[in-house]
Amino acid sequence: MNGLRTMVLVVCAALVPASAMAQGASLHGFGPINSSMGGAGVALPEDSLNALGFNPALVTAVQGNQISFTTEFFEDDIQIHTTYGFLSGDAHPTSHLTIAPSFGWMLRDPSKKLALGFGLIAVAGFGTDYPQDNASILFAQPPAGFGRIYTGYQVTKIPVAFGYQVNPKLAVGASLNVYVGQFYVAPLPDGTFDTAANGDRWYPEAGKP
């Protein structure tokens, strides 16, 4: 049993980086223009999301107001096959849609050199959800297995940016950034269980929203 428990712990730990790679633990760009370029264009005034995400000096490139909205979607679809000795099993995730919206605004009076910007930008996110399956060697009801396994991760960047056009060829900028994030994972195999009225048992969860 100790060998099986060790194997299950390793698989559970692997779910986090595996889902991250598949679903965008760190988004490669902000907004449709920058994402389509693979995150390139730090020195290009593409839109407010690019400026606030990478280079606050770019807020000086706008004339008047510019507001950008965008949303990215990720869906869990990682199939797992486990083998331990003569036992084997397959796991198929429950459909789990992760939504990563972003908003950016920048303003510059064409007659002034100072520009301002503000945003709420999704910079990372993923999620997985594998239901309890008593026929599986991995997802069976505890203590035989680990029951339901799920993970989730979201990070939002909140920038307040200032830019100043020194001359036609030089602009400088600064940004105050606050990051808000959450991470949750189940199970926490510490030897204690949550129990339902019908007798079903499962390990406790960490950080469920």
Protein backbone atom coordinates (compact mmCIF):
# COMPACT_ATOMS: atom_id res chain seq x y z
CA MET A 1 0.00 0.00 0.00
CA ASN A 2 2.87 2.37 0.73
CA GLY A 3 4.21 1.85 -2.79
CA LEU A 4 0.81 2.61 -4.30
CA ARG A 5 0.41 5.70 -2.10
CA THR A 6 3.83 6.99 -3.21
CA MET A 7 2.94 6.46 -6.86
CA VAL A 8 -0.36 8.31 -6.43
CA LEU A 9 1.36 11.25 -4.73
CA VAL A 10 3.77 11.54 -7.63
CA VAL A 11 0.90 11.53 -10.16
CA CYS A 12 -1.04 14.14 -8.16
CA ALA A 13 2.00 16.40 -8.04
CA ALA A 14 2.47 15.95 -11.78
CA LEU A 15 -1.09 17.14 -12.49
CA VAL A 16 -0.19 20.73 -11.62
CA PRO A 17 2.69 21.25 -14.07
CA ALA A 18 1.02 19.07 -16.71
CA SER A 19 -2.16 21.12 -16.65
CA ALA A 20 -0.11 24.29 -16.52
CA MET A 21 1.78 23.46 -19.70
CA ALA A 22 -1.41 22.41 -21.50
CA GLN A 23 -3.57 25.34 -20.50
CA GLY A 24 -1.40 28.38 -20.07
CA ALA A 25 0.04 28.70 -16.55
CA SER A 26 1.79 31.78 -17.91
CA LEU A 27 0.08 33.39 -20.90
CA HIS A 28 2.50 34.16 -23.70
CA GLY A 29 0.87 37.50 -24.56
CA PHE A 30 -1.80 40.02 -23.59
CA GLY A 31 -4.65 40.69 -25.99
CA PRO A 32 -5.29 39.22 -29.46
CA ILE A 33 -2.65 41.28 -31.29
CA ASN A 34 0.18 40.57 -28.87
CA SER A 35 -0.83 36.90 -28.42
CA SER A 36 -0.86 36.35 -32.19
CA MET A 37 2.75 37.58 -32.21
CA GLY A 38 3.77 35.13 -29.49
CA GLY A 39 4.23 37.90 -26.92
CA ALA A 40 6.64 39.86 -29.12
CA GLY A 41 6.44 43.61 -29.60
CA VAL A 42 7.60 45.08 -26.29
CA ALA A 43 8.63 48.25 -28.14
CA LEU A 44 5.54 48.42 -30.39
CA PRO A 45 2.45 50.46 -29.41
CA GLU A 46 0.00 47.68 -30.33
CA ASP A 47 -2.77 48.43 -27.83
CA SER A 48 -3.33 49.28 -24.17
CA LEU A 49 -2.99 45.65 -22.99
CA ASN A 50 0.45 45.31 -24.57
CA ALA A 51 1.60 48.66 -23.15
CA LEU A 52 0.35 47.95 -19.62
CA GLY A 53 1.59 44.39 -19.67
CA PHE A 54 5.12 44.92 -20.95
CA ASN A 55 6.22 48.56 -21.35
CA PRO A 56 4.46 51.49 -19.60
CA ALA A 57 6.32 54.03 -21.76
CA LEU A 58 4.09 52.91 -24.65
CA VAL A 59 1.04 54.61 -23.11
CA THR A 60 2.40 57.82 -24.61
CA ALA A 61 1.69 56.46 -28.12
CA VAL A 62 -2.09 56.83 -27.75
CA GLN A 63 -3.95 59.94 -28.91
CA GLY A 64 -7.00 60.46 -26.71
CA ASN A 65 -8.56 57.37 -25.06
CA GLN A 66 -8.01 53.74 -25.90
CA ILE A 67 -9.89 50.92 -24.17
CA SER A 68 -9.29 47.21 -24.83
CA PHE A 69 -11.22 44.13 -23.70
CA THR A 70 -10.21 40.54 -24.34
CA THR A 71 -10.90 37.06 -22.98
CA GLU A 72 -9.00 33.80 -23.34
CA PHE A 73 -10.51 30.36 -22.71
CA PHE A 74 -8.81 27.12 -21.65
CA GLU A 75 -10.44 23.70 -21.35
CA ASP A 76 -9.08 20.71 -19.45
CA ASP A 77 -8.54 17.69 -21.71
CA ILE A 78 -5.56 15.75 -20.28
CA GLN A 79 -6.14 11.98 -20.42
CA ILE A 80 -4.36 9.90 -17.75
CA HIS A 81 -3.47 6.20 -17.94
CA THR A 82 -1.93 4.64 -14.82
CA THR A 83 -0.34 1.20 -14.37
CA TYR A 84 0.83 -0.36 -11.11
CA GLY A 85 1.81 -4.00 -11.21
CA PHE A 86 -1.12 -5.90 -12.73
CA LEU A 87 -3.51 -2.99 -12.13
CA SER A 88 -4.23 -0.26 -14.65
CA GLY A 89 -6.84 2.42 -15.23
CA ASP A 90 -7.81 5.39 -17.37
CA ALA A 91 -9.04 8.82 -16.24
CA HIS A 92 -11.02 11.33 -18.27
CA PRO A 93 -11.45 14.85 -16.87
CA THR A 94 -14.75 16.58 -16.30
CA SER A 95 -15.14 19.52 -18.68
CA HIS A 96 -13.50 22.44 -16.89
CA LEU A 97 -13.50 25.81 -18.62
CA THR A 98 -11.04 28.44 -17.39
CA ILE A 99 -11.84 32.05 -18.37
CA ALA A 100 -9.08 34.68 -18.38
CA PRO A 101 -10.49 38.17 -19.13
CA SER A 102 -8.41 41.35 -19.46
CA PHE A 103 -9.14 45.07 -19.58
CA GLY A 104 -6.81 47.96 -20.42
CA TRP A 105 -7.26 51.75 -20.64
CA MET A 106 -4.79 54.47 -21.51
CA LEU A 107 -5.23 58.21 -22.03
CA ARG A 108 -3.14 61.03 -23.41
CA ASP A 109 -4.18 64.54 -24.33
CA PRO A 110 -2.54 65.14 -27.77
CA SER A 111 -1.39 68.55 -26.56
CA LYS A 112 0.26 67.16 -23.41
CA LYS A 113 3.33 65.00 -22.84
CA LEU A 114 1.96 63.03 -19.89
CA ALA A 115 -0.06 59.82 -20.43
CA LEU A 116 -1.90 57.54 -17.98
CA GLY A 117 -2.95 53.91 -18.04
CA PHE A 118 -4.84 51.37 -15.93
CA GLY A 119 -5.60 47.69 -16.42
CA LEU A 120 -6.86 44.38 -15.08
CA ILE A 121 -4.84 41.81 -17.01
CA ALA A 122 -4.98 38.02 -16.74
CA VAL A 123 -1.39 36.80 -16.80
CA ALA A 124 -1.82 33.12 -15.83
CA GLY A 125 -4.43 30.43 -15.38
CA PHE A 126 -5.25 26.74 -15.63
CA GLY A 127 -7.60 24.14 -14.18
CA THR A 128 -8.10 20.35 -14.05
CA ASP A 129 -10.91 18.25 -12.60
CA TYR A 130 -10.91 14.43 -12.42
CA PRO A 131 -14.01 12.91 -10.75
CA GLN A 132 -13.95 10.06 -8.23
CA ASP A 133 -14.03 6.66 -9.95
CA ASN A 134 -14.02 3.55 -7.73
CA ALA A 135 -12.96 1.41 -10.71
CA SER A 136 -9.70 3.36 -10.98
CA ILE A 137 -6.53 2.61 -9.01
CA LEU A 138 -5.87 6.35 -8.78
CA PHE A 139 -9.29 7.96 -8.34
CA ALA A 140 -11.02 5.38 -6.12
CA GLN A 141 -12.66 6.46 -2.86
CA PRO A 142 -10.11 6.96 -0.05
CA PRO A 143 -8.24 5.21 1.45
CA ALA A 144 -8.00 2.86 -1.57
CA GLY A 145 -7.27 5.83 -3.85
CA PHE A 146 -7.40 9.60 -3.74
CA GLY A 147 -10.93 10.22 -4.94
CA ARG A 148 -11.60 13.37 -6.91
CA ILE A 149 -8.46 15.29 -7.96
CA TYR A 150 -8.60 18.86 -9.18
CA THR A 151 -6.37 21.92 -9.42
CA GLY A 152 -6.88 25.56 -10.30
CA TYR A 153 -4.72 28.64 -10.65
CA GLN A 154 -5.44 32.26 -11.65
CA VAL A 155 -3.27 35.39 -11.50
CA THR A 156 -4.36 38.93 -12.43
CA LYS A 157 -2.04 41.90 -12.85
CA ILE A 158 -3.41 45.35 -11.89
CA PRO A 159 -1.11 48.05 -13.31
CA VAL A 160 -1.31 51.83 -12.86
CA ALA A 161 1.05 53.33 -15.45
CA PHE A 162 2.49 56.75 -16.23
CA GLY A 163 4.33 57.74 -19.38
CA TYR A 164 6.10 60.95 -20.43
CA GLN A 165 7.07 61.91 -23.99
CA VAL A 166 10.49 63.53 -23.53
CA ASN A 167 10.95 64.22 -27.24
CA PRO A 168 9.62 62.72 -30.50
CA LYS A 169 12.11 59.83 -30.24
CA LEU A 170 12.14 59.19 -26.50
CA ALA A 171 9.41 58.28 -24.02
CA VAL A 172 9.84 57.07 -20.44
CA GLY A 173 7.37 55.29 -18.24
CA ALA A 174 6.77 53.74 -14.84
CA SER A 175 4.17 51.35 -13.55
CA LEU A 176 2.88 50.36 -10.11
CA ASN A 177 1.75 46.73 -10.31
CA VAL A 178 -0.38 44.73 -7.90
CA TYR A 179 -0.88 41.00 -8.47
CA VAL A 180 -3.93 39.11 -7.22
CA GLY A 181 -3.94 35.33 -7.45
CA GLN A 182 -5.45 32.15 -6.13
CA PHE A 183 -4.44 28.51 -6.17
CA TYR A 184 -6.48 25.52 -5.08
CA VAL A 185 -5.80 21.80 -5.12
CA ALA A 186 -7.40 18.57 -3.91
CA PRO A 187 -6.68 16.21 -2.32
CA LEU A 188 -4.55 16.89 0.75
CA PRO A 189 -3.60 13.33 1.80
CA ASP A 190 -2.85 13.99 5.47
CA GLY A 191 -4.62 10.90 6.85
CA THR A 192 -7.92 12.61 7.74
CA PHE A 193 -11.11 12.47 5.67
CA ASP A 194 -14.28 14.45 5.07
CA THR A 195 -17.29 12.12 5.21
CA ALA A 196 -20.73 12.49 3.62
CA ALA A 197 -23.99 11.23 5.18
CA ASN A 198 -24.05 8.26 2.77
CA GLY A 199 -20.62 7.14 3.89
CA ASP A 200 -18.59 8.48 0.94
CA ARG A 201 -15.19 9.74 2.06
CA TRP A 202 -12.68 12.09 0.51
CA TYR A 203 -9.53 13.94 1.47
CA PRO A 204 -9.84 17.63 2.45
CA GLU A 205 -9.26 20.41 -0.06
CA ALA A 206 -6.89 23.38 -0.09
CA GLY A 207 -8.04 26.82 -1.13
CA LYS A 208 -11.34 25.91 -2.79
CA PRO A 209 -12.94 29.20 -3.95
